[in-house]
N, C-alpha and C. Protein backbone atom coordinates (compact mmCIF):
# COMPACT_ATOMS: atom_id res chain seq x y z
N UNK A 1 -61.09 20.52 191.89
CA UNK A 1 -61.32 20.87 190.46
C UNK A 1 -62.98 21.62 190.69
N UNK A 2 -63.79 21.20 191.19
CA UNK A 2 -65.40 21.91 191.29
C UNK A 2 -64.78 23.02 191.71
N UNK A 3 -64.06 23.24 192.72
CA UNK A 3 -63.60 24.46 193.40
C UNK A 3 -63.15 25.56 192.25
N UNK A 4 -62.53 25.02 191.66
CA UNK A 4 -61.77 26.01 190.45
C UNK A 4 -62.94 26.02 189.64
N UNK A 5 -63.79 25.08 189.11
CA UNK A 5 -64.99 25.43 187.71
C UNK A 5 -65.75 26.41 188.67
N UNK A 6 -65.97 26.30 189.85
CA UNK A 6 -66.72 27.19 190.60
C UNK A 6 -66.16 28.69 190.63
N UNK A 7 -64.99 28.73 190.95
CA UNK A 7 -64.39 30.20 190.73
C UNK A 7 -64.27 30.72 189.67
N UNK A 8 -64.34 30.18 188.87
CA UNK A 8 -64.06 30.40 187.02
C UNK A 8 -65.50 30.86 186.66
N UNK A 9 -66.38 30.30 186.86
CA UNK A 9 -67.55 30.60 186.98
C UNK A 9 -68.17 32.10 187.07
N UNK A 10 -67.78 32.23 188.45
CA UNK A 10 -68.17 33.38 189.51
C UNK A 10 -67.20 34.66 188.73
N UNK A 11 -66.21 34.02 188.15
CA UNK A 11 -64.83 34.83 187.45
C UNK A 11 -65.74 35.99 186.17
N UNK A 12 -66.31 34.91 185.81
CA UNK A 12 -66.71 35.50 184.30
C UNK A 12 -68.11 36.05 184.83
N UNK A 13 -68.83 35.81 185.81
CA UNK A 13 -70.05 36.15 185.90
C UNK A 13 -69.77 38.19 186.30
N UNK A 14 -68.36 38.12 187.48
CA UNK A 14 -68.00 39.48 187.58
C UNK A 14 -67.90 40.16 186.13
N UNK A 15 -66.95 39.52 185.30
CA UNK A 15 -66.45 40.33 184.08
C UNK A 15 -67.69 40.76 183.42
N UNK A 16 -68.77 39.98 183.52
CA UNK A 16 -70.02 40.46 182.59
C UNK A 16 -70.74 41.09 183.17
N UNK A 17 -70.64 41.34 184.63
CA UNK A 17 -71.69 42.53 185.18
C UNK A 17 -70.88 43.79 184.78
N UNK A 18 -69.61 43.79 185.05
CA UNK A 18 -68.05 44.92 184.90
C UNK A 18 -69.12 45.19 183.45
N UNK A 19 -69.09 44.67 182.46
CA UNK A 19 -69.39 45.12 181.38
C UNK A 19 -70.67 45.40 180.84
N UNK A 20 -71.53 44.67 181.91
CA UNK A 20 -73.31 45.26 181.87
C UNK A 20 -73.03 46.88 182.40
N UNK A 21 -72.53 47.32 183.26
CA UNK A 21 -72.46 48.37 184.18
C UNK A 21 -71.71 49.58 183.23
N UNK A 22 -70.65 49.28 182.05
CA UNK A 22 -70.17 49.90 181.24
C UNK A 22 -71.11 50.33 179.87
N UNK A 23 -71.59 49.61 179.68
CA UNK A 23 -72.62 49.83 178.66
C UNK A 23 -73.77 50.55 179.36
N UNK A 24 -74.63 50.30 180.52
CA UNK A 24 -75.42 50.93 181.05
C UNK A 24 -75.28 52.51 180.84
N UNK A 25 -73.66 52.81 181.59
CA UNK A 25 -73.37 53.87 181.70
C UNK A 25 -73.23 54.76 180.71
N UNK A 26 -72.51 53.76 178.92
CA UNK A 26 -72.45 54.56 177.91
C UNK A 26 -73.80 54.94 177.13
N UNK A 27 -74.96 54.03 177.48
CA UNK A 27 -76.15 54.27 177.11
C UNK A 27 -76.95 55.54 177.77
N UNK A 28 -76.40 56.01 179.31
CA UNK A 28 -77.07 57.15 179.63
C UNK A 28 -76.62 58.21 178.96
N UNK A 29 -75.42 58.51 178.77
CA UNK A 29 -74.33 59.35 177.88
C UNK A 29 -75.13 59.75 176.63
N UNK A 30 -75.68 58.48 176.00
CA UNK A 30 -76.34 58.72 174.71
C UNK A 30 -77.70 59.03 174.98
N UNK A 31 -78.27 58.88 176.06
CA UNK A 31 -80.19 60.03 176.26
C UNK A 31 -79.87 60.98 177.19
N UNK A 32 -78.47 61.47 177.18
CA UNK A 32 -78.66 62.95 177.81
C UNK A 32 -78.52 63.96 176.39
N UNK A 33 -79.15 64.90 176.22
CA UNK A 33 -79.10 65.64 175.54
C UNK A 33 -78.93 67.18 175.92
N UNK A 34 -78.14 67.84 174.82
CA UNK A 34 -77.98 69.32 175.30
C UNK A 34 -78.77 70.06 175.10
N UNK A 35 -79.67 70.85 175.90
CA UNK A 35 -80.50 71.71 175.30
C UNK A 35 -80.18 73.11 176.09
N UNK A 36 -79.40 73.50 176.74
CA UNK A 36 -78.88 74.68 177.47
C UNK A 36 -78.04 75.72 176.56
N UNK A 37 -78.41 75.90 175.12
CA UNK A 37 -77.82 76.70 174.32
C UNK A 37 -78.51 77.57 172.98
N UNK A 38 -78.42 79.05 173.11
CA UNK A 38 -79.13 79.97 172.12
C UNK A 38 -78.47 79.41 170.72
N UNK A 39 -77.40 78.42 170.67
CA UNK A 39 -76.58 78.38 169.31
C UNK A 39 -77.07 77.07 168.62
N UNK A 40 -78.19 76.02 169.40
CA UNK A 40 -78.76 74.81 168.88
C UNK A 40 -79.84 74.98 169.75
N UNK A 41 -80.95 73.76 168.94
CA UNK A 41 -82.09 73.35 169.89
C UNK A 41 -81.70 72.32 170.76
N UNK A 42 -81.15 71.26 169.82
CA UNK A 42 -80.73 70.19 170.43
C UNK A 42 -79.06 69.33 170.16
N UNK A 43 -78.67 68.56 171.05
CA UNK A 43 -77.22 68.04 170.62
C UNK A 43 -77.43 66.59 171.36
N UNK A 44 -77.57 65.54 170.59
CA UNK A 44 -77.81 64.49 171.24
C UNK A 44 -76.42 63.24 170.51
N UNK A 45 -76.21 62.51 171.66
CA UNK A 45 -74.97 61.66 171.21
C UNK A 45 -75.53 60.34 170.61
N UNK A 46 -75.10 59.82 169.46
CA UNK A 46 -76.01 58.47 169.18
C UNK A 46 -74.83 57.71 169.53
N UNK A 47 -75.03 56.40 170.66
CA UNK A 47 -74.35 55.16 170.47
C UNK A 47 -73.87 54.71 169.46
N UNK A 48 -74.65 54.44 168.92
CA UNK A 48 -74.74 53.50 167.67
C UNK A 48 -73.61 53.90 166.74
N UNK A 49 -73.65 55.31 166.38
CA UNK A 49 -72.64 55.53 165.24
C UNK A 49 -71.65 56.45 166.00
N UNK A 50 -71.31 56.64 167.06
CA UNK A 50 -70.47 57.67 167.92
C UNK A 50 -70.47 58.54 167.67
N UNK A 51 -71.66 59.50 167.44
CA UNK A 51 -71.41 60.89 166.92
C UNK A 51 -72.43 61.61 167.36
N UNK A 52 -72.27 62.54 166.98
CA UNK A 52 -73.28 63.66 167.74
C UNK A 52 -74.28 64.31 166.70
N UNK A 53 -75.40 64.16 166.79
CA UNK A 53 -76.51 65.07 165.82
C UNK A 53 -77.20 66.31 166.44
N UNK A 54 -76.66 67.62 166.06
CA UNK A 54 -77.27 68.90 166.41
C UNK A 54 -78.05 69.06 165.63
N UNK A 55 -79.19 69.25 166.31
CA UNK A 55 -80.53 70.34 165.44
C UNK A 55 -80.34 71.79 165.83
N UNK A 56 -80.78 72.56 164.88
CA UNK A 56 -80.18 73.82 165.09
C UNK A 56 -81.92 74.74 165.26
N UNK A 57 -81.90 75.74 165.54
CA UNK A 57 -83.24 76.18 165.78
C UNK A 57 -84.25 76.35 164.77
N UNK A 58 -83.40 76.37 163.49
CA UNK A 58 -84.40 76.88 161.96
C UNK A 58 -84.19 75.23 161.52
N UNK A 59 -83.89 74.00 162.28
CA UNK A 59 -84.75 72.95 161.93
C UNK A 59 -83.40 71.95 161.14
N UNK A 60 -82.36 72.65 160.96
CA UNK A 60 -81.57 71.91 160.08
C UNK A 60 -80.59 70.89 161.16
N UNK A 61 -80.15 69.76 160.61
CA UNK A 61 -79.86 69.00 161.46
C UNK A 61 -78.14 68.35 160.73
N UNK A 62 -77.32 68.38 161.87
CA UNK A 62 -76.13 67.79 161.24
C UNK A 62 -75.63 66.53 161.96
N UNK A 63 -74.62 65.78 161.74
CA UNK A 63 -74.00 64.74 162.15
C UNK A 63 -72.44 65.02 162.74
N UNK A 64 -72.10 65.30 163.49
CA UNK A 64 -70.55 65.10 163.54
C UNK A 64 -70.03 63.74 164.32
N UNK A 65 -68.76 63.21 163.93
CA UNK A 65 -68.32 62.19 164.41
C UNK A 65 -67.43 62.49 165.57
N UNK A 66 -67.72 62.53 166.78
CA UNK A 66 -66.51 62.50 167.45
C UNK A 66 -66.96 62.14 169.17
N UNK A 67 -66.63 60.97 169.24
CA UNK A 67 -67.05 60.29 170.51
C UNK A 67 -66.96 61.02 172.15
N UNK A 68 -65.25 61.42 171.89
CA UNK A 68 -64.92 61.39 173.51
C UNK A 68 -65.28 62.98 173.47
N UNK A 69 -65.43 64.00 172.60
CA UNK A 69 -65.92 65.31 172.76
C UNK A 69 -67.01 65.59 173.32
N UNK A 70 -68.04 64.68 173.64
CA UNK A 70 -69.47 64.80 173.85
C UNK A 70 -69.25 64.96 175.30
N UNK A 71 -68.46 64.06 176.19
CA UNK A 71 -68.35 63.96 177.52
C UNK A 71 -67.85 65.44 178.16
N UNK A 72 -67.30 66.02 177.38
CA UNK A 72 -66.62 67.41 177.62
C UNK A 72 -67.55 68.30 177.42
N UNK A 73 -68.26 68.11 176.18
CA UNK A 73 -69.69 69.12 176.04
C UNK A 73 -70.20 69.46 176.95
N UNK A 74 -70.78 68.14 177.67
CA UNK A 74 -72.20 68.22 178.75
C UNK A 74 -71.59 69.04 179.89
N UNK A 75 -70.15 69.17 179.81
CA UNK A 75 -70.02 69.68 181.58
C UNK A 75 -69.54 71.00 180.96
N UNK A 76 -69.45 71.45 179.86
CA UNK A 76 -68.86 72.77 179.32
C UNK A 76 -69.65 74.06 179.97
N UNK A 77 -69.24 75.27 180.44
CA UNK A 77 -70.17 76.12 181.37
C UNK A 77 -71.11 77.05 179.90
N UNK A 78 -70.34 76.89 178.51
CA UNK A 78 -71.21 77.39 177.63
C UNK A 78 -71.37 76.23 176.22
N UNK A 79 -72.68 75.71 176.50
CA UNK A 79 -72.05 74.68 175.31
C UNK A 79 -72.21 75.34 173.99
N UNK A 80 -72.91 76.55 173.71
CA UNK A 80 -72.65 77.32 172.31
C UNK A 80 -71.22 77.27 171.83
N UNK A 81 -70.66 78.10 172.81
CA UNK A 81 -69.21 78.80 172.82
C UNK A 81 -68.39 77.20 172.49
N UNK A 82 -68.33 76.09 173.10
CA UNK A 82 -68.13 74.94 172.85
C UNK A 82 -68.13 74.54 171.60
N UNK A 83 -69.24 74.65 171.20
CA UNK A 83 -69.89 74.05 169.86
C UNK A 83 -68.67 75.02 168.68
N UNK A 84 -69.17 76.40 168.82
CA UNK A 84 -68.13 77.08 168.19
C UNK A 84 -66.40 76.90 168.09
N UNK A 85 -65.96 76.64 169.22
CA UNK A 85 -64.72 76.40 169.06
C UNK A 85 -63.99 75.16 168.85
N UNK A 86 -64.92 74.38 169.26
CA UNK A 86 -64.35 72.30 168.93
C UNK A 86 -65.27 71.88 168.09
N UNK A 87 -66.27 72.20 167.66
CA UNK A 87 -67.10 71.06 166.94
C UNK A 87 -67.29 71.45 165.55
N UNK A 88 -67.85 72.83 165.72
CA UNK A 88 -68.07 73.48 164.02
C UNK A 88 -67.15 73.38 163.15
N UNK A 89 -65.66 73.81 163.76
CA UNK A 89 -64.93 73.58 162.36
C UNK A 89 -64.54 71.89 162.11
N UNK A 90 -65.14 70.99 162.89
CA UNK A 90 -65.22 69.50 162.17
C UNK A 90 -65.94 69.68 160.96
N UNK A 91 -65.74 68.57 160.05
CA UNK A 91 -66.40 68.03 158.84
C UNK A 91 -67.66 67.62 159.50
N UNK A 92 -68.95 67.64 158.48
CA UNK A 92 -70.07 67.25 158.88
C UNK A 92 -70.83 66.47 158.12
N UNK A 93 -72.07 65.69 158.49
CA UNK A 93 -72.92 65.34 157.37
C UNK A 93 -74.26 65.71 157.60
N UNK A 94 -74.83 66.72 156.68
CA UNK A 94 -76.24 67.31 157.08
C UNK A 94 -77.47 66.04 156.60
N UNK A 95 -78.17 66.60 158.08
CA UNK A 95 -79.13 65.13 157.85
C UNK A 95 -80.47 65.96 157.24
N UNK A 96 -81.65 64.91 157.40
CA UNK A 96 -82.82 65.49 157.13
C UNK A 96 -83.30 66.75 158.05
N UNK A 97 -84.02 67.44 157.69
CA UNK A 97 -84.32 68.59 158.82
C UNK A 97 -85.43 67.80 159.75
N UNK A 98 -85.56 68.61 161.11
CA UNK A 98 -86.02 68.07 161.94
C UNK A 98 -87.53 68.91 161.86
N UNK A 99 -88.77 67.92 162.24
CA UNK A 99 -90.06 68.18 162.44
C UNK A 99 -90.24 69.53 163.37
């Protein structure tokens, strides 16, 4: 019985460790801004809302809700071209302008 309980505790600890690793990976994406574009100043994934906040060079900011596209956008050869082709046509929420 003690072996079974020890095995169960170990298994739960392993599962928790995997969940923690996934959360850390997700947070790393949240902290990876896209800044290599002439189309906008910065785009950051907001993990809490599963959305992308884009700040344009003129200071205007918009929120787009698209969790999965951000991962593809990070590795796109042209962030601006990817934005214009896949993200700009989507509905967005205008936010207060950046300082």
